[in-house]
Structures are given as C-alpha cells and as structure tokens.
Protein backbone atom coordinates (compact mmCIF):
# COMPACT_ATOMS: atom_id res chain seq x y z
CA UNK A 1 249.46 118.99 118.12
CA UNK A 2 250.37 119.84 114.46
CA UNK A 3 248.35 117.97 111.97
CA UNK A 4 250.40 116.78 108.99
CA UNK A 5 247.97 114.39 107.33
CA UNK A 6 244.64 112.90 108.55
CA UNK A 7 246.43 110.05 110.07
CA UNK A 8 249.75 111.70 111.18
CA UNK A 9 250.05 114.43 113.87
CA UNK A 10 253.23 115.71 115.43
CA UNK A 11 253.48 116.92 119.01
CA UNK A 12 255.15 120.29 119.43
CA UNK A 13 257.66 118.98 121.95
CA UNK A 14 259.15 116.73 119.29
CA UNK A 15 260.48 119.84 117.51
CA UNK A 16 263.53 121.76 118.67
CA UNK A 17 264.29 125.18 117.44
CA UNK A 18 267.51 127.04 117.71
CA UNK A 19 268.07 130.62 116.61
CA UNK A 20 271.21 132.29 115.30
CA UNK A 21 272.25 135.34 113.35
CA UNK A 22 271.24 134.99 109.78
CA UNK A 23 273.52 135.40 106.77
CA UNK A 24 270.57 136.40 104.68
CA UNK A 25 268.13 139.37 105.06
CA UNK A 26 267.78 140.76 108.56
CA UNK A 27 271.17 139.39 109.79
CA UNK A 28 273.19 142.50 109.20
CA UNK A 29 270.83 144.71 111.12
CA UNK A 30 272.04 147.57 113.29
CA UNK A 31 270.32 145.89 116.23
CA UNK A 32 271.76 142.43 115.65
CA UNK A 33 268.94 139.95 115.95
CA UNK A 34 268.89 136.14 115.69
CA UNK A 35 266.51 135.63 112.68
CA UNK A 36 267.89 132.31 111.28
CA UNK A 37 266.04 129.26 112.48
CA UNK A 38 267.48 125.73 112.79
CA UNK A 39 264.62 123.23 113.19
CA UNK A 40 265.48 119.78 114.49
CA UNK A 41 263.19 116.68 114.32
CA UNK A 42 264.22 113.29 115.54
CA UNK A 43 262.83 110.99 112.91
CA UNK A 44 264.00 107.72 114.39
CA UNK A 45 262.63 108.32 117.88
CA UNK A 46 259.39 110.01 116.85
CA UNK A 47 256.32 108.09 118.17
CA UNK A 48 254.11 110.00 115.66
CA UNK A 49 255.56 108.56 112.47
CA UNK A 50 254.87 105.08 111.32
CA UNK A 51 258.15 103.12 110.63
CA UNK A 52 257.68 103.00 106.82
CA UNK A 53 257.01 106.77 106.68
CA UNK A 54 260.09 107.42 108.81
CA UNK A 55 262.36 105.31 106.50
CA UNK A 56 261.01 107.09 103.40
CA UNK A 57 261.42 110.50 105.15
CA UNK A 58 265.13 109.81 105.93
CA UNK A 59 265.77 108.72 102.33
CA UNK A 60 263.91 111.78 100.95
CA UNK A 61 265.63 114.19 103.21
CA UNK A 62 269.14 112.85 102.26
CA UNK A 63 271.96 114.93 103.69
CA UNK A 64 269.66 116.88 105.93
CA UNK A 65 269.48 113.85 108.26
CA UNK A 66 272.34 113.26 110.72
CA UNK A 67 273.71 109.89 111.54
CA UNK A 68 271.57 109.84 114.70
CA UNK A 69 268.40 110.22 112.55
CA UNK A 70 267.74 113.80 113.34
CA UNK A 71 266.39 115.88 110.54
CA UNK A 72 267.90 119.46 110.50
CA UNK A 73 266.26 122.28 108.50
CA UNK A 74 267.72 125.75 108.35
CA UNK A 75 265.63 128.71 107.31
CA UNK A 76 267.13 132.22 106.87
CA UNK A 77 265.48 133.69 103.78
CA UNK A 78 263.14 136.07 105.57
CA UNK A 79 263.82 139.20 107.70
CA UNK A 80 261.88 138.09 110.73
CA UNK A 81 262.27 135.14 112.99
CA UNK A 82 258.50 134.30 112.82
CA UNK A 83 258.50 134.01 109.06
CA UNK A 84 261.62 131.86 109.17
CA UNK A 85 260.01 129.63 111.83
CA UNK A 86 256.93 129.23 109.69
CA UNK A 87 258.99 128.43 106.60
CA UNK A 88 261.07 125.75 108.38
CA UNK A 89 257.99 124.20 109.81
CA UNK A 90 256.17 124.18 106.44
CA UNK A 91 259.22 122.64 104.75
CA UNK A 92 259.16 119.84 107.42
CA UNK A 93 255.52 119.21 107.01
CA UNK A 94 255.87 119.12 103.19
CA UNK A 95 258.69 116.49 103.52
CA UNK A 96 256.59 114.32 105.90
CA UNK A 97 253.57 114.67 103.57
CA UNK A 98 255.69 113.62 100.59
CA UNK A 99 257.08 110.69 102.63
CA UNK A 100 253.54 109.61 103.79
CA UNK A 101 252.48 108.89 100.21
CA UNK A 102 253.03 105.23 99.45
CA UNK A 103 255.30 104.56 96.53
CA UNK A 104 253.67 103.41 93.32
CA UNK A 105 253.55 99.67 92.68
CA UNK A 106 256.23 98.30 90.36
CA UNK A 107 255.52 98.20 86.70
CA UNK A 108 254.35 94.88 85.37
CA UNK A 109 256.32 93.73 82.34
CA UNK A 110 254.07 93.07 79.26
CA UNK A 111 254.87 91.74 75.83
CA UNK A 112 253.66 93.46 72.61
CA UNK A 113 250.87 91.54 70.88
CA UNK A 114 251.34 89.81 67.60
CA UNK A 115 249.24 92.39 65.83
CA UNK A 116 251.39 95.22 67.26
CA UNK A 117 254.55 93.45 66.07
CA UNK A 118 253.05 93.15 62.58
CA UNK A 119 252.01 96.81 62.50
CA UNK A 120 255.58 97.74 63.51
CA UNK A 121 257.22 95.74 60.87
CA UNK A 122 254.80 96.98 58.13
CA UNK A 123 255.43 100.57 59.17
CA UNK A 124 259.20 99.97 58.93
CA UNK A 125 258.83 98.35 55.48
CA UNK A 126 256.65 101.23 54.27
CA UNK A 127 259.11 103.76 55.63
CA UNK A 128 262.05 101.98 54.04
CA UNK A 129 260.18 102.02 50.68
CA UNK A 130 259.65 105.75 50.95
CA UNK A 131 263.33 106.35 51.74
CA UNK A 132 264.50 103.98 48.90
CA UNK A 133 262.52 106.14 46.37
CA UNK A 134 264.62 109.16 47.35
CA UNK A 135 267.78 107.94 45.65
CA UNK A 136 269.18 109.00 42.26
CA UNK A 137 267.12 108.11 39.29
CA UNK A 138 268.74 105.28 37.38
CA UNK A 139 268.09 104.89 33.73
CA UNK A 140 268.13 101.35 32.37
CA UNK A 141 269.95 101.86 29.05
C-alpha cells in the first residue's frame, strides 16, 4: 500500500507501468535500454479514492486523463529507469494530494460601510484639491 494522505492509500496493483526507450537522457545509450516510464492510474475505477477527490483529480490533471478516466504520466528526464519510476509516482502522489484538499469556500459578498464610503470620498476630494493647485497661476488683474 502506498500512503498518499492519512485517509487515502493506493494499492500497488492499481498502478500500471510501461517502459519504453527514452527520448531524453539515457535513451541514446550504446546498450539501448528502456528508461522512459509511462505510469497509468485508473481514476474512475479506483476504490481507494473518494468520489469528490476523483472528480477534482480528473479536472486537475486535464489532458493527462483519457476519455476512459485513466491518468497517464510519462517520465523520461532521468538516465535510469528507477529514478523515472520514482518521479512518475511522486508526480501522481502530488496530484492526488492536491486534489484531496477541499476547495476554499466561496467568498461572501460584503458592502463597504458608510464610514468607509465617506473616507473614500474625502480622500478623492483632497487629492483633487492637490491636483487643482498644480495648474498655471492666474493673476486677477
């Protein structure tokens, strides 16, 4: 079991890994090795995720989720397969942790108080008076 948060744990059999030759470092090796990792996680059918977390995860992942609800993460930045596996898993866990946080409550609309309105108008009048004094000096002949 992979612990994501104190309330969410993933079973290792829910994750599917596929390896291929990497376009990044380690892919153009003399002994060609499959260092790129494609990690797949079925968000819709996962019994580990609560429904609201799964919905937020699919929105958060965006184009990384297929139409079937499978999240696909590809890691190929490192030279070794193990480090790419660890990076893909860490990115998945980070996405799930981010989706597990509940969204903030909507902002309540408030009206400015009467005193705040008066202060605003007084400040505008004062600023307008300062600016009007910057004009050319007129002599009353």
